[in-house]
Amino acid sequence: MIVLTIDQRDSRHNPDRVEELVTALNAEYPVVRAFERTAGDELQGVMDDGAAAVRLLLEVAREGHWSIGLGVGSVKNPLPEQTRAGAGEAFEAARDAVERAKHAPASVAVAGAGGEAQRLEAELQLVAEVNARRTEASRAAGLLVDSGFSQREAATRLGITQQAVSSRLASGLWFPCRQLADQAGLALARYTAQFDGDD
């Protein structure tokens, strides 16, 4: 199972963003147990879809307001209806990960048994760092292409040439990062499958 614990950064000096994020994540992503506020400026949810968990983590990291811990492992069954009542290795790993994320590259950390968590953490930190450093122009082009638009259609929407779109995608390392994120999602799914049936 996958548990994500997300903590708002510098919450004393910024508006509370937790409820807005809770609503957005529950509406946009497949969850086993809904994201909910667990304490103060923190939220937590349970997932079993590795690819969706990677997309969620990278999307939240892109906002720049959050420390994100992803924990992988077994959970105590039956899983309670409320996320905050859950227990098990995945919950403990997510707690460890979110604490490390507060001082980690891109504010992202992954924890779980074995070396797979370390590799996934390195990959996701790299993609999240590149995402954060992209120019707004590169990000706009990439998001359109990721939404299903061709480069020609993206160029028309942005009012630029197709060559300019291609250049923005290349300078932002859009395609290599997308490929790495896709592979990380598949790896997380395989890693999570090791714990299916554990309790």
C-alpha atoms as a PDB file:
ATOM      1  CA  MET A   1       0.000   0.000   0.000  1.00  0.00           C
ATOM      2  CA  ILE A   2       1.072   3.615  -0.546  1.00  0.00           C
ATOM      3  CA  VAL A   3       0.559   6.299   2.082  1.00  0.00           C
ATOM      4  CA  LEU A   4       1.243   9.941   1.271  1.00  0.00           C
ATOM      5  CA  THR A   5       1.743  12.420   4.092  1.00  0.00           C
ATOM      6  CA  ILE A   6       1.920  16.038   2.950  1.00  0.00           C
ATOM      7  CA  ASP A   7       2.898  18.935   5.190  1.00  0.00           C
ATOM      8  CA  GLN A   8       2.407  22.607   4.317  1.00  0.00           C
ATOM      9  CA  ARG A   9       5.711  24.475   4.387  1.00  0.00           C
ATOM     10  CA  ASP A  10       6.054  27.735   6.311  1.00  0.00           C
ATOM     11  CA  SER A  11       2.392  27.563   7.317  1.00  0.00           C
ATOM     12  CA  ARG A  12       2.769  30.238  10.000  1.00  0.00           C
ATOM     13  CA  HIS A  13       3.515  32.861   7.360  1.00  0.00           C
ATOM     14  CA  ASN A  14       1.151  31.663   4.628  1.00  0.00           C
ATOM     15  CA  PRO A  15      -2.587  31.061   4.309  1.00  0.00           C
ATOM     16  CA  ASP A  16      -3.889  27.597   5.161  1.00  0.00           C
ATOM     17  CA  ARG A  17      -3.894  25.599   1.915  1.00  0.00           C
ATOM     18  CA  VAL A  18      -4.735  22.186   3.377  1.00  0.00           C
ATOM     19  CA  GLU A  19      -8.496  21.994   2.771  1.00  0.00           C
ATOM     20  CA  GLU A  20      -8.150  23.216  -0.801  1.00  0.00           C
ATOM     21  CA  LEU A  21      -5.531  20.554  -1.519  1.00  0.00           C
ATOM     22  CA  VAL A  22      -7.575  17.827   0.215  1.00  0.00           C
ATOM     23  CA  THR A  23     -10.567  18.637  -2.002  1.00  0.00           C
ATOM     24  CA  ALA A  24      -8.471  18.724  -5.187  1.00  0.00           C
ATOM     25  CA  LEU A  25      -6.629  15.451  -4.519  1.00  0.00           C
ATOM     26  CA  ASN A  26      -9.778  13.519  -3.632  1.00  0.00           C
ATOM     27  CA  ALA A  27     -11.486  14.783  -6.788  1.00  0.00           C
ATOM     28  CA  GLU A  28      -8.593  14.100  -9.171  1.00  0.00           C
ATOM     29  CA  TYR A  29      -6.894  10.896  -7.998  1.00  0.00           C
ATOM     30  CA  PRO A  30      -7.987   7.312  -7.231  1.00  0.00           C
ATOM     31  CA  VAL A  31      -7.672   6.760  -3.485  1.00  0.00           C
ATOM     32  CA  VAL A  32      -8.145   3.753  -1.218  1.00  0.00           C
ATOM     33  CA  ARG A  33      -8.790   6.073   1.724  1.00  0.00           C
ATOM     34  CA  ALA A  34      -9.505   9.742   1.125  1.00  0.00           C
ATOM     35  CA  PHE A  35      -7.012  12.467   1.825  1.00  0.00           C
ATOM     36  CA  GLU A  36      -7.897  14.298   5.009  1.00  0.00           C
ATOM     37  CA  ARG A  37      -6.323  16.747   7.397  1.00  0.00           C
ATOM     38  CA  THR A  38      -4.532  14.738  10.063  1.00  0.00           C
ATOM     39  CA  ALA A  39      -2.977  17.455  12.217  1.00  0.00           C
ATOM     40  CA  GLY A  40      -2.640  21.214  11.848  1.00  0.00           C
ATOM     41  CA  ASP A  41      -1.074  21.838   8.461  1.00  0.00           C
ATOM     42  CA  GLU A  42      -0.766  18.189   7.398  1.00  0.00           C
ATOM     43  CA  LEU A  43      -2.849  15.857   5.253  1.00  0.00           C
ATOM     44  CA  GLN A  44      -2.669  12.159   4.507  1.00  0.00           C
ATOM     45  CA  GLY A  45      -4.208   9.683   2.084  1.00  0.00           C
ATOM     46  CA  VAL A  46      -3.892   6.032   1.069  1.00  0.00           C
ATOM     47  CA  MET A  47      -3.427   4.841  -2.519  1.00  0.00           C
ATOM     48  CA  ASP A  48      -2.660   1.584  -4.298  1.00  0.00           C
ATOM     49  CA  ASP A  49      -1.963   2.934  -7.802  1.00  0.00           C
ATOM     50  CA  GLY A  50       1.760   3.581  -8.250  1.00  0.00           C
ATOM     51  CA  ALA A  51       1.462   5.639 -11.429  1.00  0.00           C
ATOM     52  CA  ALA A  52      -1.254   7.848  -9.928  1.00  0.00           C
ATOM     53  CA  ALA A  53       0.767   8.315  -6.726  1.00  0.00           C
ATOM     54  CA  VAL A  54       3.784   9.495  -8.731  1.00  0.00           C
ATOM     55  CA  ARG A  55       1.650  11.929 -10.751  1.00  0.00           C
ATOM     56  CA  LEU A  56       0.110  13.263  -7.538  1.00  0.00           C
ATOM     57  CA  LEU A  57       3.473  13.665  -5.805  1.00  0.00           C
ATOM     58  CA  LEU A  58       5.001  15.540  -8.742  1.00  0.00           C
ATOM     59  CA  GLU A  59       1.951  17.764  -9.188  1.00  0.00           C
ATOM     60  CA  VAL A  60       1.906  18.742  -5.509  1.00  0.00           C
ATOM     61  CA  ALA A  61       5.690  19.251  -5.491  1.00  0.00           C
ATOM     62  CA  ARG A  62       5.381  21.585  -8.498  1.00  0.00           C
ATOM     63  CA  GLU A  63       3.306  23.989  -6.391  1.00  0.00           C
ATOM     64  CA  GLY A  64       6.266  24.584  -4.066  1.00  0.00           C
ATOM     65  CA  HIS A  65       4.211  24.846  -0.857  1.00  0.00           C
ATOM     66  CA  TRP A  66       4.550  21.308   0.470  1.00  0.00           C
ATOM     67  CA  SER A  67       6.884  18.703   1.961  1.00  0.00           C
ATOM     68  CA  ILE A  68       5.777  15.317   0.610  1.00  0.00           C
ATOM     69  CA  GLY A  69       6.490  11.935   2.156  1.00  0.00           C
ATOM     70  CA  LEU A  70       5.592   8.741   0.309  1.00  0.00           C
ATOM     71  CA  GLY A  71       5.588   5.551   2.368  1.00  0.00           C
ATOM     72  CA  VAL A  72       5.347   2.020   0.990  1.00  0.00           C
ATOM     73  CA  GLY A  73       4.602  -1.110   2.980  1.00  0.00           C
ATOM     74  CA  SER A  74       1.938  -3.195   4.609  1.00  0.00           C
ATOM     75  CA  VAL A  75      -1.042  -1.743   6.491  1.00  0.00           C
ATOM     76  CA  LYS A  76      -3.071  -3.213   9.315  1.00  0.00           C
ATOM     77  CA  ASN A  77      -6.290  -4.671   7.954  1.00  0.00           C
ATOM     78  CA  PRO A  78      -9.116  -4.028   7.929  1.00  0.00           C
ATOM     79  CA  LEU A  79      -8.125  -0.501   6.934  1.00  0.00           C
ATOM     80  CA  PRO A  80     -10.225   2.006   8.915  1.00  0.00           C
ATOM     81  CA  GLU A  81     -12.576   4.291   6.991  1.00  0.00           C
ATOM     82  CA  GLN A  82     -10.669   7.351   8.180  1.00  0.00           C
ATOM     83  CA  THR A  83      -7.101   7.702   6.964  1.00  0.00           C
ATOM     84  CA  ARG A  84      -5.877   9.163  10.253  1.00  0.00           C
ATOM     85  CA  ALA A  85      -6.869   5.950  12.077  1.00  0.00           C
ATOM     86  CA  GLY A  86      -4.710   3.740   9.841  1.00  0.00           C
ATOM     87  CA  ALA A  87      -1.618   1.901  11.055  1.00  0.00           C
ATOM     88  CA  GLY A  88       1.151  -0.280   9.702  1.00  0.00           C
ATOM     89  CA  GLU A  89       4.499  -0.075   7.934  1.00  0.00           C
ATOM     90  CA  ALA A  90       3.277   2.180   5.123  1.00  0.00           C
ATOM     91  CA  PHE A  91       1.991   4.771   7.607  1.00  0.00           C
ATOM     92  CA  GLU A  92       5.236   4.650   9.597  1.00  0.00           C
ATOM     93  CA  ALA A  93       7.271   4.967   6.398  1.00  0.00           C
ATOM     94  CA  ALA A  94       5.226   7.982   5.273  1.00  0.00           C
ATOM     95  CA  ARG A  95       5.847   9.661   8.648  1.00  0.00           C
ATOM     96  CA  ASP A  96       9.590   9.092   8.291  1.00  0.00           C
ATOM     97  CA  ALA A  97       9.521  10.299   4.692  1.00  0.00           C
ATOM     98  CA  VAL A  98       7.648  13.548   5.349  1.00  0.00           C
ATOM     99  CA  GLU A  99      10.067  14.454   8.142  1.00  0.00           C
ATOM    100  CA  ARG A 100      13.030  13.867   5.814  1.00  0.00           C
ATOM    101  CA  ALA A 101      11.271  15.716   2.997  1.00  0.00           C
ATOM    102  CA  LYS A 102      11.420  18.940   5.019  1.00  0.00           C
ATOM    103  CA  HIS A 103      15.182  19.034   4.342  1.00  0.00           C
ATOM    104  CA  ALA A 104      15.348  17.053   1.084  1.00  0.00           C
ATOM    105  CA  PRO A 105      15.800  18.152  -2.534  1.00  0.00           C
ATOM    106  CA  ALA A 106      12.457  19.322  -3.948  1.00  0.00           C
ATOM    107  CA  SER A 107      10.925  18.626  -0.495  1.00  0.00           C
ATOM    108  CA  VAL A 108      10.211  15.038  -1.562  1.00  0.00           C
ATOM    109  CA  ALA A 109      11.161  11.779   0.188  1.00  0.00           C
ATOM    110  CA  VAL A 110      10.250   8.099  -0.175  1.00  0.00           C
ATOM    111  CA  ALA A 111      10.536   5.445   2.539  1.00  0.00           C
ATOM    112  CA  GLY A 112       9.922   1.711   2.702  1.00  0.00           C
ATOM    113  CA  ALA A 113      11.664  -1.605   3.190  1.00  0.00           C
ATOM    114  CA  GLY A 114      14.593  -2.410   0.919  1.00  0.00           C
ATOM    115  CA  GLY A 115      16.661  -0.371  -1.505  1.00  0.00           C
ATOM    116  CA  GLU A 116      13.837   0.289  -3.947  1.00  0.00           C
ATOM    117  CA  ALA A 117      12.633   3.264  -1.879  1.00  0.00           C
ATOM    118  CA  GLN A 118      16.025   4.967  -2.168  1.00  0.00           C
ATOM    119  CA  ARG A 119      16.088   4.598  -5.942  1.00  0.00           C
ATOM    120  CA  LEU A 120      12.536   5.889  -6.297  1.00  0.00           C
ATOM    121  CA  GLU A 121      13.347   8.808  -4.013  1.00  0.00           C
ATOM    122  CA  ALA A 122      16.345   9.813  -6.143  1.00  0.00           C
ATOM    123  CA  GLU A 123      14.316   9.607  -9.359  1.00  0.00           C
ATOM    124  CA  LEU A 124      11.377  11.576  -7.994  1.00  0.00           C
ATOM    125  CA  GLN A 125      13.608  14.220  -6.427  1.00  0.00           C
ATOM    126  CA  LEU A 126      15.358  14.696  -9.765  1.00  0.00           C
ATOM    127  CA  VAL A 127      12.127  15.071 -11.736  1.00  0.00           C
ATOM    128  CA  ALA A 128      10.612  17.372  -9.097  1.00  0.00           C
ATOM    129  CA  GLU A 129      13.746  19.563  -9.072  1.00  0.00           C
ATOM    130  CA  VAL A 130      13.717  19.900 -12.865  1.00  0.00           C
ATOM    131  CA  ASN A 131       9.986  20.692 -12.764  1.00  0.00           C
ATOM    132  CA  ALA A 132      10.605  23.437 -10.199  1.00  0.00           C
ATOM    133  CA  ARG A 133      13.408  25.020 -12.235  1.00  0.00           C
ATOM    134  CA  ARG A 134      11.567  25.180 -15.540  1.00  0.00           C
ATOM    135  CA  THR A 135      10.671  28.552 -16.963  1.00  0.00           C
ATOM    136  CA  GLU A 136       7.001  29.451 -17.095  1.00  0.00           C
ATOM    137  CA  ALA A 137       7.199  29.305 -20.902  1.00  0.00           C
ATOM    138  CA  SER A 138       8.600  25.767 -20.852  1.00  0.00           C
ATOM    139  CA  ARG A 139       6.020  24.682 -18.290  1.00  0.00           C
ATOM    140  CA  ALA A 140       3.129  26.087 -20.344  1.00  0.00           C
ATOM    141  CA  ALA A 141       4.257  24.252 -23.478  1.00  0.00           C
ATOM    142  CA  GLY A 142       4.814  20.993 -21.623  1.00  0.00           C
ATOM    143  CA  LEU A 143       1.471  21.039 -19.845  1.00  0.00           C
ATOM    144  CA  LEU A 144      -0.339  21.497 -23.159  1.00  0.00           C
ATOM    145  CA  VAL A 145       1.528  18.597 -24.768  1.00  0.00           C
ATOM    146  CA  ASP A 146       0.917  16.435 -21.692  1.00  0.00           C
ATOM    147  CA  SER A 147      -2.791  17.289 -21.970  1.00  0.00           C
ATOM    148  CA  GLY A 148      -2.883  15.685 -25.412  1.00  0.00           C
ATOM    149  CA  PHE A 149      -2.238  18.625 -27.724  1.00  0.00           C
ATOM    150  CA  SER A 150       0.210  18.168 -30.579  1.00  0.00           C
ATOM    151  CA  GLN A 151       3.162  20.538 -30.709  1.00  0.00           C
ATOM    152  CA  ARG A 152       1.463  22.337 -33.595  1.00  0.00           C
ATOM    153  CA  GLU A 153      -1.752  22.752 -31.565  1.00  0.00           C
ATOM    154  CA  ALA A 154       0.241  23.902 -28.541  1.00  0.00           C
ATOM    155  CA  ALA A 155       2.008  26.467 -30.714  1.00  0.00           C
ATOM    156  CA  THR A 156      -1.325  27.828 -31.946  1.00  0.00           C
ATOM    157  CA  ARG A 157      -2.681  28.097 -28.404  1.00  0.00           C
ATOM    158  CA  LEU A 158       0.467  29.846 -27.179  1.00  0.00           C
ATOM    159  CA  GLY A 159       0.744  32.116 -30.223  1.00  0.00           C
ATOM    160  CA  ILE A 160       4.257  30.927 -31.066  1.00  0.00           C
ATOM    161  CA  THR A 161       5.866  28.742 -33.712  1.00  0.00           C
ATOM    162  CA  GLN A 162       6.007  24.970 -33.526  1.00  0.00           C
ATOM    163  CA  GLN A 163       9.801  25.278 -33.479  1.00  0.00           C
ATOM    164  CA  ALA A 164       9.541  27.499 -30.375  1.00  0.00           C
ATOM    165  CA  VAL A 165       7.381  24.874 -28.653  1.00  0.00           C
ATOM    166  CA  SER A 166       9.934  22.194 -29.498  1.00  0.00           C
ATOM    167  CA  SER A 167      12.713  24.392 -28.134  1.00  0.00           C
ATOM    168  CA  ARG A 168      10.820  25.035 -24.884  1.00  0.00           C
ATOM    169  CA  LEU A 169      10.165  21.331 -24.402  1.00  0.00           C
ATOM    170  CA  ALA A 170      13.822  20.503 -25.036  1.00  0.00           C
ATOM    171  CA  SER A 171      15.193  23.210 -22.726  1.00  0.00           C
ATOM    172  CA  GLY A 172      12.858  22.048 -19.957  1.00  0.00           C
ATOM    173  CA  LEU A 173      13.887  18.384 -20.414  1.00  0.00           C
ATOM    174  CA  TRP A 174      10.173  17.660 -20.732  1.00  0.00           C
ATOM    175  CA  PHE A 175      10.270  14.308 -22.508  1.00  0.00           C
ATOM    176  CA  PRO A 176      13.129  12.711 -20.502  1.00  0.00           C
ATOM    177  CA  CYS A 177      11.450  13.782 -17.259  1.00  0.00           C
ATOM    178  CA  ARG A 178       8.092  12.432 -18.375  1.00  0.00           C
ATOM    179  CA  GLN A 179       9.710   9.122 -19.322  1.00  0.00           C
ATOM    180  CA  LEU A 180      11.502   8.911 -15.958  1.00  0.00           C
ATOM    181  CA  ALA A 181       8.277   9.743 -14.092  1.00  0.00           C
ATOM    182  CA  ASP A 182       6.389   7.075 -16.064  1.00  0.00           C
ATOM    183  CA  GLN A 183       9.054   4.488 -15.240  1.00  0.00           C
ATOM    184  CA  ALA A 184       9.012   5.537 -11.574  1.00  0.00           C
ATOM    185  CA  GLY A 185       5.249   4.978 -11.537  1.00  0.00           C
ATOM    186  CA  LEU A 186       5.686   1.464 -12.921  1.00  0.00           C
ATOM    187  CA  ALA A 187       8.479   0.736 -10.439  1.00  0.00           C
ATOM    188  CA  LEU A 188       6.345   1.995  -7.551  1.00  0.00           C
ATOM    189  CA  ALA A 189       3.492  -0.278  -8.677  1.00  0.00           C
ATOM    190  CA  ARG A 190       5.841  -3.298  -8.682  1.00  0.00           C
ATOM    191  CA  TYR A 191       7.317  -2.291  -5.324  1.00  0.00           C
ATOM    192  CA  THR A 192       3.875  -1.864  -3.770  1.00  0.00           C
ATOM    193  CA  ALA A 193       2.751  -5.263  -5.093  1.00  0.00           C
ATOM    194  CA  GLN A 194       5.308  -6.916  -2.788  1.00  0.00           C
ATOM    195  CA  PHE A 195       3.120  -5.922   0.150  1.00  0.00           C
ATOM    196  CA  ASP A 196      -0.253  -7.025  -1.250  1.00  0.00           C
ATOM    197  CA  GLY A 197      -1.980  -9.273   1.233  1.00  0.00           C
ATOM    198  CA  ASP A 198       0.296  -8.284   4.120  1.00  0.00           C
ATOM    199  CA  ASP A 199      -1.309  -7.060   7.303  1.00  0.00           C
END
